[in-house]
Amino acid sequence: ERRDRVRTPAGALPLRDAGDRAAARKAVGRVLEEL
């Protein structure tokens, strides 16, 4: 439900729209795969 920046393993990322969320999935996924 949040639309602001959210702290993630890939840093603070915006979740304003579908594009932001898709970008966040990729960014966080890449970080998680390296841990």
PDB file of all heavy atoms in Angstrom:
ATOM      1  N   GLU A   1       0.817  -1.209   0.000  1.00  0.00           N
ATOM      2  CA  GLU A   1       0.000   0.000   0.000  1.00  0.00           C
ATOM      3  C   GLU A   1       0.855   1.266   0.000  1.00  0.00           C
ATOM      4  O   GLU A   1       0.398   2.329  -0.405  1.00  0.00           O
ATOM      5  CB  GLU A   1      -0.921  -0.007   1.222  1.00  0.00           C
ATOM      6  CG  GLU A   1      -1.951  -1.132   1.190  1.00  0.00           C
ATOM      7  CD  GLU A   1      -2.906  -1.067   2.351  1.00  0.00           C
ATOM      8  OE1 GLU A   1      -2.792  -0.119   3.169  1.00  0.00           O
ATOM      9  OE2 GLU A   1      -3.775  -1.960   2.449  1.00  0.00           O
ATOM     10  N   ARG A   2       2.090   1.148   0.396  1.00  0.00           N
ATOM     11  CA  ARG A   2       2.970   2.313   0.448  1.00  0.00           C
ATOM     12  C   ARG A   2       3.344   2.779  -0.948  1.00  0.00           C
ATOM     13  O   ARG A   2       3.519   1.975  -1.867  1.00  0.00           O
ATOM     14  CB  ARG A   2       4.225   1.992   1.257  1.00  0.00           C
ATOM     15  CG  ARG A   2       3.938   1.791   2.740  1.00  0.00           C
ATOM     16  CD  ARG A   2       5.192   1.530   3.510  1.00  0.00           C
ATOM     17  NE  ARG A   2       6.178   2.600   3.397  1.00  0.00           N
ATOM     18  CZ  ARG A   2       7.294   2.659   4.133  1.00  0.00           C
ATOM     19  NH1 ARG A   2       7.543   1.707   5.018  1.00  0.00           N
ATOM     20  NH2 ARG A   2       8.137   3.649   3.981  1.00  0.00           N
ATOM     21  N   ARG A   3       3.458   4.092  -1.118  1.00  0.00           N
ATOM     22  CA  ARG A   3       3.858   4.681  -2.390  1.00  0.00           C
ATOM     23  C   ARG A   3       5.126   5.530  -2.253  1.00  0.00           C
ATOM     24  O   ARG A   3       5.622   6.069  -3.232  1.00  0.00           O
ATOM     25  CB  ARG A   3       2.726   5.573  -2.942  1.00  0.00           C
ATOM     26  CG  ARG A   3       1.442   4.822  -3.272  1.00  0.00           C
ATOM     27  CD  ARG A   3       1.642   3.879  -4.446  1.00  0.00           C
ATOM     28  NE  ARG A   3       0.409   3.214  -4.859  1.00  0.00           N
ATOM     29  CZ  ARG A   3      -0.021   2.081  -4.368  1.00  0.00           C
ATOM     30  NH1 ARG A   3       0.673   1.461  -3.409  1.00  0.00           N
ATOM     31  NH2 ARG A   3      -1.141   1.513  -4.803  1.00  0.00           N
ATOM     32  N   ASP A   4       5.642   5.639  -1.030  1.00  0.00           N
ATOM     33  CA  ASP A   4       6.833   6.442  -0.801  1.00  0.00           C
ATOM     34  C   ASP A   4       8.071   5.576  -0.976  1.00  0.00           C
ATOM     35  O   ASP A   4       8.005   4.428  -1.412  1.00  0.00           O
ATOM     36  CB  ASP A   4       6.800   7.040   0.612  1.00  0.00           C
ATOM     37  CG  ASP A   4       6.680   5.954   1.682  1.00  0.00           C
ATOM     38  OD1 ASP A   4       6.223   4.837   1.353  1.00  0.00           O
ATOM     39  OD2 ASP A   4       7.052   6.206   2.842  1.00  0.00           O
ATOM     40  N   ARG A   5       9.236   6.128  -0.655  1.00  0.00           N
ATOM     41  CA  ARG A   5      10.462   5.335  -0.686  1.00  0.00           C
ATOM     42  C   ARG A   5      10.477   4.364   0.486  1.00  0.00           C
ATOM     43  O   ARG A   5      10.107   4.707   1.604  1.00  0.00           O
ATOM     44  CB  ARG A   5      11.688   6.252  -0.622  1.00  0.00           C
ATOM     45  CG  ARG A   5      11.961   6.976  -1.928  1.00  0.00           C
ATOM     46  CD  ARG A   5      13.241   7.791  -1.871  1.00  0.00           C
ATOM     47  NE  ARG A   5      13.546   8.336  -3.181  1.00  0.00           N
ATOM     48  CZ  ARG A   5      14.253   7.716  -4.108  1.00  0.00           C
ATOM     49  NH1 ARG A   5      14.779   6.527  -3.856  1.00  0.00           N
ATOM     50  NH2 ARG A   5      14.471   8.263  -5.284  1.00  0.00           N
ATOM     51  N   VAL A   6      10.931   3.161   0.197  1.00  0.00           N
ATOM     52  CA  VAL A   6      10.954   2.106   1.206  1.00  0.00           C
ATOM     53  C   VAL A   6      12.378   1.573   1.304  1.00  0.00           C
ATOM     54  O   VAL A   6      13.056   1.396   0.283  1.00  0.00           O
ATOM     55  CB  VAL A   6       9.990   0.964   0.816  1.00  0.00           C
ATOM     56  CG1 VAL A   6      10.143  -0.224   1.759  1.00  0.00           C
ATOM     57  CG2 VAL A   6       8.558   1.458   0.804  1.00  0.00           C
ATOM     58  N   ARG A   7      12.824   1.329   2.535  1.00  0.00           N
ATOM     59  CA  ARG A   7      14.146   0.748   2.718  1.00  0.00           C
ATOM     60  C   ARG A   7      14.122  -0.703   2.263  1.00  0.00           C
ATOM     61  O   ARG A   7      13.301  -1.510   2.690  1.00  0.00           O
ATOM     62  CB  ARG A   7      14.560   0.806   4.194  1.00  0.00           C
ATOM     63  CG  ARG A   7      15.946   0.213   4.443  1.00  0.00           C
ATOM     64  CD  ARG A   7      16.165  -0.154   5.898  1.00  0.00           C
ATOM     65  NE  ARG A   7      17.397  -0.923   6.068  1.00  0.00           N
ATOM     66  CZ  ARG A   7      17.515  -2.236   5.830  1.00  0.00           C
ATOM     67  NH1 ARG A   7      16.476  -2.921   5.407  1.00  0.00           N
ATOM     68  NH2 ARG A   7      18.676  -2.856   6.002  1.00  0.00           N
ATOM     69  N   THR A   8      15.038  -1.046   1.356  1.00  0.00           N
ATOM     70  CA  THR A   8      15.154  -2.405   0.839  1.00  0.00           C
ATOM     71  C   THR A   8      16.619  -2.819   0.899  1.00  0.00           C
ATOM     72  O   THR A   8      17.502  -1.987   1.131  1.00  0.00           O
ATOM     73  CB  THR A   8      14.679  -2.488  -0.625  1.00  0.00           C
ATOM     74  OG1 THR A   8      15.702  -1.970  -1.493  1.00  0.00           O
ATOM     75  CG2 THR A   8      13.387  -1.711  -0.850  1.00  0.00           C
ATOM     76  N   PRO A   9      16.923  -4.094   0.654  1.00  0.00           N
ATOM     77  CA  PRO A   9      18.325  -4.518   0.594  1.00  0.00           C
ATOM     78  C   PRO A   9      19.107  -3.816  -0.509  1.00  0.00           C
ATOM     79  O   PRO A   9      20.341  -3.813  -0.479  1.00  0.00           O
ATOM     80  CB  PRO A   9      18.218  -6.022   0.315  1.00  0.00           C
ATOM     81  CG  PRO A   9      16.895  -6.412   0.871  1.00  0.00           C
ATOM     82  CD  PRO A   9      16.005  -5.244   0.613  1.00  0.00           C
ATOM     83  N   ALA A  10      18.399  -3.200  -1.464  1.00  0.00           N
ATOM     84  CA  ALA A  10      19.063  -2.471  -2.543  1.00  0.00           C
ATOM     85  C   ALA A  10      19.043  -0.967  -2.312  1.00  0.00           C
ATOM     86  O   ALA A  10      19.314  -0.187  -3.229  1.00  0.00           O
ATOM     87  CB  ALA A  10      18.398  -2.785  -3.883  1.00  0.00           C
ATOM     88  N   GLY A  11      18.728  -0.560  -1.081  1.00  0.00           N
ATOM     89  CA  GLY A  11      18.655   0.862  -0.765  1.00  0.00           C
ATOM     90  C   GLY A  11      17.218   1.342  -0.695  1.00  0.00           C
ATOM     91  O   GLY A  11      16.268   0.560  -0.823  1.00  0.00           O
ATOM     92  N   ALA A  12      17.041   2.655  -0.502  1.00  0.00           N
ATOM     93  CA  ALA A  12      15.698   3.236  -0.438  1.00  0.00           C
ATOM     94  C   ALA A  12      15.151   3.380  -1.855  1.00  0.00           C
ATOM     95  O   ALA A  12      15.719   4.091  -2.684  1.00  0.00           O
ATOM     96  CB  ALA A  12      15.749   4.590   0.261  1.00  0.00           C
ATOM     97  N   LEU A  13      14.050   2.706  -2.132  1.00  0.00           N
ATOM     98  CA  LEU A  13      13.497   2.688  -3.486  1.00  0.00           C
ATOM     99  C   LEU A  13      12.054   3.171  -3.468  1.00  0.00           C
ATOM    100  O   LEU A  13      11.287   2.839  -2.552  1.00  0.00           O
ATOM    101  CB  LEU A  13      13.545   1.267  -4.060  1.00  0.00           C
ATOM    102  CG  LEU A  13      14.937   0.631  -4.194  1.00  0.00           C
ATOM    103  CD1 LEU A  13      14.805  -0.809  -4.676  1.00  0.00           C
ATOM    104  CD2 LEU A  13      15.806   1.432  -5.148  1.00  0.00           C
ATOM    105  N   PRO A  14      11.643   3.935  -4.500  1.00  0.00           N
ATOM    106  CA  PRO A  14      10.249   4.401  -4.577  1.00  0.00           C
ATOM    107  C   PRO A  14       9.328   3.294  -5.074  1.00  0.00           C
ATOM    108  O   PRO A  14       9.743   2.406  -5.829  1.00  0.00           O
ATOM    109  CB  PRO A  14      10.326   5.544  -5.596  1.00  0.00           C
ATOM    110  CG  PRO A  14      11.465   5.167  -6.493  1.00  0.00           C
ATOM    111  CD  PRO A  14      12.459   4.463  -5.612  1.00  0.00           C
ATOM    112  N   LEU A  15       8.071   3.350  -4.634  1.00  0.00           N
ATOM    113  CA  LEU A  15       7.065   2.381  -5.075  1.00  0.00           C
ATOM    114  C   LEU A  15       5.832   3.106  -5.601  1.00  0.00           C
ATOM    115  O   LEU A  15       4.692   2.711  -5.354  1.00  0.00           O
ATOM    116  CB  LEU A  15       6.677   1.453  -3.920  1.00  0.00           C
ATOM    117  CG  LEU A  15       7.793   0.622  -3.282  1.00  0.00           C
ATOM    118  CD1 LEU A  15       7.253  -0.212  -2.132  1.00  0.00           C
ATOM    119  CD2 LEU A  15       8.459  -0.286  -4.309  1.00  0.00           C
ATOM    120  N   ARG A  16       6.055   4.192  -6.364  1.00  0.00           N
ATOM    121  CA  ARG A  16       4.946   5.044  -6.775  1.00  0.00           C
ATOM    122  C   ARG A  16       4.017   4.391  -7.781  1.00  0.00           C
ATOM    123  O   ARG A  16       2.812   4.602  -7.755  1.00  0.00           O
ATOM    124  CB  ARG A  16       5.496   6.349  -7.378  1.00  0.00           C
ATOM    125  CG  ARG A  16       6.247   7.227  -6.385  1.00  0.00           C
ATOM    126  CD  ARG A  16       7.060   8.275  -7.100  1.00  0.00           C
ATOM    127  NE  ARG A  16       8.069   7.653  -7.973  1.00  0.00           N
ATOM    128  CZ  ARG A  16       9.056   8.317  -8.565  1.00  0.00           C
ATOM    129  NH1 ARG A  16       9.168   9.617  -8.397  1.00  0.00           N
ATOM    130  NH2 ARG A  16       9.921   7.670  -9.329  1.00  0.00           N
ATOM    131  N   ASP A  17       4.572   3.604  -8.695  1.00  0.00           N
ATOM    132  CA  ASP A  17       3.748   3.031  -9.760  1.00  0.00           C
ATOM    133  C   ASP A  17       4.312   1.669 -10.168  1.00  0.00           C
ATOM    134  O   ASP A  17       5.293   1.181  -9.590  1.00  0.00           O
ATOM    135  CB  ASP A  17       3.685   3.986 -10.961  1.00  0.00           C
ATOM    136  CG  ASP A  17       5.072   4.406 -11.442  1.00  0.00           C
ATOM    137  OD1 ASP A  17       6.027   3.599 -11.342  1.00  0.00           O
ATOM    138  OD2 ASP A  17       5.224   5.554 -11.924  1.00  0.00           O
ATOM    139  N   ALA A  18       3.680   1.068 -11.181  1.00  0.00           N
ATOM    140  CA  ALA A  18       4.088  -0.270 -11.615  1.00  0.00           C
ATOM    141  C   ALA A  18       5.527  -0.292 -12.104  1.00  0.00           C
ATOM    142  O   ALA A  18       6.252  -1.272 -11.890  1.00  0.00           O
ATOM    143  CB  ALA A  18       3.148  -0.766 -12.718  1.00  0.00           C
ATOM    144  N   GLY A  19       5.966   0.789 -12.741  1.00  0.00           N
ATOM    145  CA  GLY A  19       7.341   0.850 -13.218  1.00  0.00           C
ATOM    146  C   GLY A  19       8.337   0.840 -12.079  1.00  0.00           C
ATOM    147  O   GLY A  19       9.359   0.133 -12.143  1.00  0.00           O
ATOM    148  N   ASP A  20       8.059   1.614 -11.034  1.00  0.00           N
ATOM    149  CA  ASP A  20       8.930   1.629  -9.850  1.00  0.00           C
ATOM    150  C   ASP A  20       9.008   0.237  -9.220  1.00  0.00           C
ATOM    151  O   ASP A  20      10.074  -0.225  -8.818  1.00  0.00           O
ATOM    152  CB  ASP A  20       8.389   2.611  -8.809  1.00  0.00           C
ATOM    153  CG  ASP A  20       8.729   4.060  -9.140  1.00  0.00           C
ATOM    154  OD1 ASP A  20       9.558   4.288 -10.041  1.00  0.00           O
ATOM    155  OD2 ASP A  20       8.166   4.954  -8.496  1.00  0.00           O
ATOM    156  N   ARG A  21       7.869  -0.415  -9.137  1.00  0.00           N
ATOM    157  CA  ARG A  21       7.822  -1.702  -8.461  1.00  0.00           C
ATOM    158  C   ARG A  21       8.561  -2.780  -9.254  1.00  0.00           C
ATOM    159  O   ARG A  21       9.245  -3.628  -8.677  1.00  0.00           O
ATOM    160  CB  ARG A  21       6.363  -2.101  -8.210  1.00  0.00           C
ATOM    161  CG  ARG A  21       5.731  -1.201  -7.141  1.00  0.00           C
ATOM    162  CD  ARG A  21       4.209  -1.230  -7.166  1.00  0.00           C
ATOM    163  NE  ARG A  21       3.715  -0.174  -6.283  1.00  0.00           N
ATOM    164  CZ  ARG A  21       3.130  -0.402  -5.116  1.00  0.00           C
ATOM    165  NH1 ARG A  21       2.954  -1.632  -4.689  1.00  0.00           N
ATOM    166  NH2 ARG A  21       2.721   0.606  -4.367  1.00  0.00           N
ATOM    167  N   ALA A  22       8.434  -2.730 -10.575  1.00  0.00           N
ATOM    168  CA  ALA A  22       9.176  -3.675 -11.407  1.00  0.00           C
ATOM    169  C   ALA A  22      10.676  -3.443 -11.265  1.00  0.00           C
ATOM    170  O   ALA A  22      11.462  -4.400 -11.165  1.00  0.00           O
ATOM    171  CB  ALA A  22       8.748  -3.531 -12.864  1.00  0.00           C
ATOM    172  N   ALA A  23      11.087  -2.173 -11.256  1.00  0.00           N
ATOM    173  CA  ALA A  23      12.503  -1.856 -11.090  1.00  0.00           C
ATOM    174  C   ALA A  23      13.001  -2.299  -9.715  1.00  0.00           C
ATOM    175  O   ALA A  23      14.129  -2.795  -9.578  1.00  0.00           O
ATOM    176  CB  ALA A  23      12.723  -0.355 -11.277  1.00  0.00           C
ATOM    177  N   ALA A  24      12.156  -2.130  -8.695  1.00  0.00           N
ATOM    178  CA  ALA A  24      12.539  -2.544  -7.342  1.00  0.00           C
ATOM    179  C   ALA A  24      12.703  -4.058  -7.268  1.00  0.00           C
ATOM    180  O   ALA A  24      13.640  -4.554  -6.634  1.00  0.00           O
ATOM    181  CB  ALA A  24      11.496  -2.074  -6.337  1.00  0.00           C
ATOM    182  N   ARG A  25      11.813  -4.807  -7.915  1.00  0.00           N
ATOM    183  CA  ARG A  25      11.940  -6.275  -7.913  1.00  0.00           C
ATOM    184  C   ARG A  25      13.282  -6.701  -8.490  1.00  0.00           C
ATOM    185  O   ARG A  25      13.962  -7.570  -7.941  1.00  0.00           O
ATOM    186  CB  ARG A  25      10.811  -6.913  -8.725  1.00  0.00           C
ATOM    187  CG  ARG A  25       9.468  -6.940  -8.043  1.00  0.00           C
ATOM    188  CD  ARG A  25       8.558  -7.991  -8.670  1.00  0.00           C
ATOM    189  NE  ARG A  25       8.449  -7.857 -10.112  1.00  0.00           N
ATOM    190  CZ  ARG A  25       7.570  -7.085 -10.735  1.00  0.00           C
ATOM    191  NH1 ARG A  25       6.733  -6.339 -10.022  1.00  0.00           N
ATOM    192  NH2 ARG A  25       7.515  -7.047 -12.054  1.00  0.00           N
ATOM    193  N   LYS A  26      13.668  -6.096  -9.609  1.00  0.00           N
ATOM    194  CA  LYS A  26      14.934  -6.461 -10.246  1.00  0.00           C
ATOM    195  C   LYS A  26      16.111  -6.082  -9.363  1.00  0.00           C
ATOM    196  O   LYS A  26      17.050  -6.864  -9.182  1.00  0.00           O
ATOM    197  CB  LYS A  26      15.045  -5.771 -11.604  1.00  0.00           C
ATOM    198  CG  LYS A  26      14.086  -6.310 -12.651  1.00  0.00           C
ATOM    199  CD  LYS A  26      14.276  -5.598 -13.983  1.00  0.00           C
ATOM    200  CE  LYS A  26      13.302  -6.135 -15.024  1.00  0.00           C
ATOM    201  NZ  LYS A  26      13.440  -5.429 -16.322  1.00  0.00           N
ATOM    202  N   ALA A  27      16.075  -4.870  -8.811  1.00  0.00           N
ATOM    203  CA  ALA A  27      17.196  -4.394  -8.003  1.00  0.00           C
ATOM    204  C   ALA A  27      17.361  -5.231  -6.740  1.00  0.00           C
ATOM    205  O   ALA A  27      18.473  -5.653  -6.400  1.00  0.00           O
ATOM    206  CB  ALA A  27      16.987  -2.920  -7.642  1.00  0.00           C
ATOM    207  N   VAL A  28      16.276  -5.485  -6.047  1.00  0.00           N
ATOM    208  CA  VAL A  28      16.345  -6.261  -4.809  1.00  0.00           C
ATOM    209  C   VAL A  28      16.717  -7.711  -5.119  1.00  0.00           C
ATOM    210  O   VAL A  28      17.525  -8.321  -4.411  1.00  0.00           O
ATOM    211  CB  VAL A  28      15.014  -6.196  -4.040  1.00  0.00           C
ATOM    212  CG1 VAL A  28      15.060  -7.106  -2.812  1.00  0.00           C
ATOM    213  CG2 VAL A  28      14.718  -4.755  -3.622  1.00  0.00           C
ATOM    214  N   GLY A  29      16.153  -8.258  -6.190  1.00  0.00           N
ATOM    215  CA  GLY A  29      16.470  -9.631  -6.570  1.00  0.00           C
ATOM    216  C   GLY A  29      17.948  -9.823  -6.835  1.00  0.00           C
ATOM    217  O   GLY A  29      18.541 -10.821  -6.414  1.00  0.00           O
ATOM    218  N   ARG A  30      18.556  -8.858  -7.535  1.00  0.00           N
ATOM    219  CA  ARG A  30      19.997  -8.964  -7.820  1.00  0.00           C
ATOM    220  C   ARG A  30      20.807  -8.961  -6.537  1.00  0.00           C
ATOM    221  O   ARG A  30      21.781  -9.711  -6.402  1.00  0.00           O
ATOM    222  CB  ARG A  30      20.434  -7.801  -8.723  1.00  0.00           C
ATOM    223  CG  ARG A  30      20.042  -7.964 -10.182  1.00  0.00           C
ATOM    224  CD  ARG A  30      20.788  -6.994 -11.055  1.00  0.00           C
ATOM    225  NE  ARG A  30      20.451  -5.605 -10.745  1.00  0.00           N
ATOM    226  CZ  ARG A  30      19.500  -4.908 -11.351  1.00  0.00           C
ATOM    227  NH1 ARG A  30      18.781  -5.469 -12.315  1.00  0.00           N
ATOM    228  NH2 ARG A  30      19.259  -3.656 -11.021  1.00  0.00           N
ATOM    229  N   VAL A  31      20.432  -8.124  -5.585  1.00  0.00           N
ATOM    230  CA  VAL A  31      21.165  -8.065  -4.317  1.00  0.00           C
ATOM    231  C   VAL A  31      21.000  -9.363  -3.541  1.00  0.00           C
ATOM    232  O   VAL A  31      21.971  -9.930  -3.020  1.00  0.00           O
ATOM    233  CB  VAL A  31      20.681  -6.865  -3.470  1.00  0.00           C
ATOM    234  CG1 VAL A  31      21.267  -6.933  -2.064  1.00  0.00           C
ATOM    235  CG2 VAL A  31      21.074  -5.548  -4.135  1.00  0.00           C
ATOM    236  N   LEU A  32      19.776  -9.867  -3.451  1.00  0.00           N
ATOM    237  CA  LEU A  32      19.527 -11.085  -2.684  1.00  0.00           C
ATOM    238  C   LEU A  32      20.303 -12.269  -3.250  1.00  0.00           C
ATOM    239  O   LEU A  32      20.794 -13.117  -2.493  1.00  0.00           O
ATOM    240  CB  LEU A  32      18.030 -11.400  -2.658  1.00  0.00           C
ATOM    241  CG  LEU A  32      17.135 -10.410  -1.908  1.00  0.00           C
ATOM    242  CD1 LEU A  32      15.679 -10.863  -1.963  1.00  0.00           C
ATOM    243  CD2 LEU A  32      17.577 -10.233  -0.465  1.00  0.00           C
ATOM    244  N   GLU A  33      20.429 -12.332  -4.566  1.00  0.00           N
ATOM    245  CA  GLU A  33      21.147 -13.446  -5.181  1.00  0.00           C
ATOM    246  C   GLU A  33      22.637 -13.432  -4.857  1.00  0.00           C
ATOM    247  O   GLU A  33      23.299 -14.467  -4.956  1.00  0.00           O
ATOM    248  CB  GLU A  33      20.941 -13.422  -6.695  1.00  0.00           C
ATOM    249  CG  GLU A  33      19.543 -13.854  -7.113  1.00  0.00           C
ATOM    250  CD  GLU A  33      19.338 -13.796  -8.613  1.00  0.00           C
ATOM    251  OE1 GLU A  33      20.189 -13.177  -9.297  1.00  0.00           O
ATOM    252  OE2 GLU A  33      18.352 -14.357  -9.104  1.00  0.00           O
ATOM    253  N   GLU A  34      23.165 -12.264  -4.490  1.00  0.00           N
ATOM    254  CA  GLU A  34      24.592 -12.156  -4.179  1.00  0.00           C
ATOM    255  C   GLU A  34      24.899 -12.450  -2.714  1.00  0.00           C
ATOM    256  O   GLU A  34      26.048 -12.672  -2.352  1.00  0.00           O
ATOM    257  CB  GLU A  34      25.102 -10.754  -4.536  1.00  0.00           C
ATOM    258  CG  GLU A  34      25.097 -10.457  -6.034  1.00  0.00           C
ATOM    259  CD  GLU A  34      25.935 -11.469  -6.809  1.00  0.00           C
ATOM    260  OE1 GLU A  34      27.055 -11.795  -6.349  1.00  0.00           O
ATOM    261  OE2 GLU A  34      25.478 -11.939  -7.863  1.00  0.00           O
ATOM    262  N   LEU A  35      23.878 -12.442  -1.856  1.00  0.00           N
ATOM    263  CA  LEU A  35      24.083 -12.665  -0.423  1.00  0.00           C
ATOM    264  C   LEU A  35      24.128 -14.157  -0.116  1.00  0.00           C
ATOM    265  O   LEU A  35      23.635 -14.981  -0.884  1.00  0.00           O
ATOM    266  CB  LEU A  35      22.942 -12.017   0.371  1.00  0.00           C
ATOM    267  CG  LEU A  35      22.789 -10.494   0.244  1.00  0.00           C
ATOM    268  CD1 LEU A  35      21.527 -10.040   0.968  1.00  0.00           C
ATOM    269  CD2 LEU A  35      24.020  -9.773   0.791  1.00  0.00           C
TER     270      LEU A  35
END
